[in-house]
Amino acid sequence: MYSPNMQVSNGIDPSDVICKTGLELLMRVSTGDPVCVKQSSVEHLLLIGFADYF
């Protein structure tokens, strides 16, 4: 499976990026880029303002 950035550069809409099993798709707030993160990290990243849902 390709990285989120590679998927976007190949024409996939950022909100349609597919993450590996066990990872969740979020948007990096500072750049708008898609990021795949461990499910255990989602709440923390949302709380500190690093990421948000698409």
Foldseek 3Di string as FASTA:
>chain_A
DDAQVVCVVVPDDQLPDDDDPQWDWWAQVVPRGIHTHHPVCVVVCVVVRRTGHD
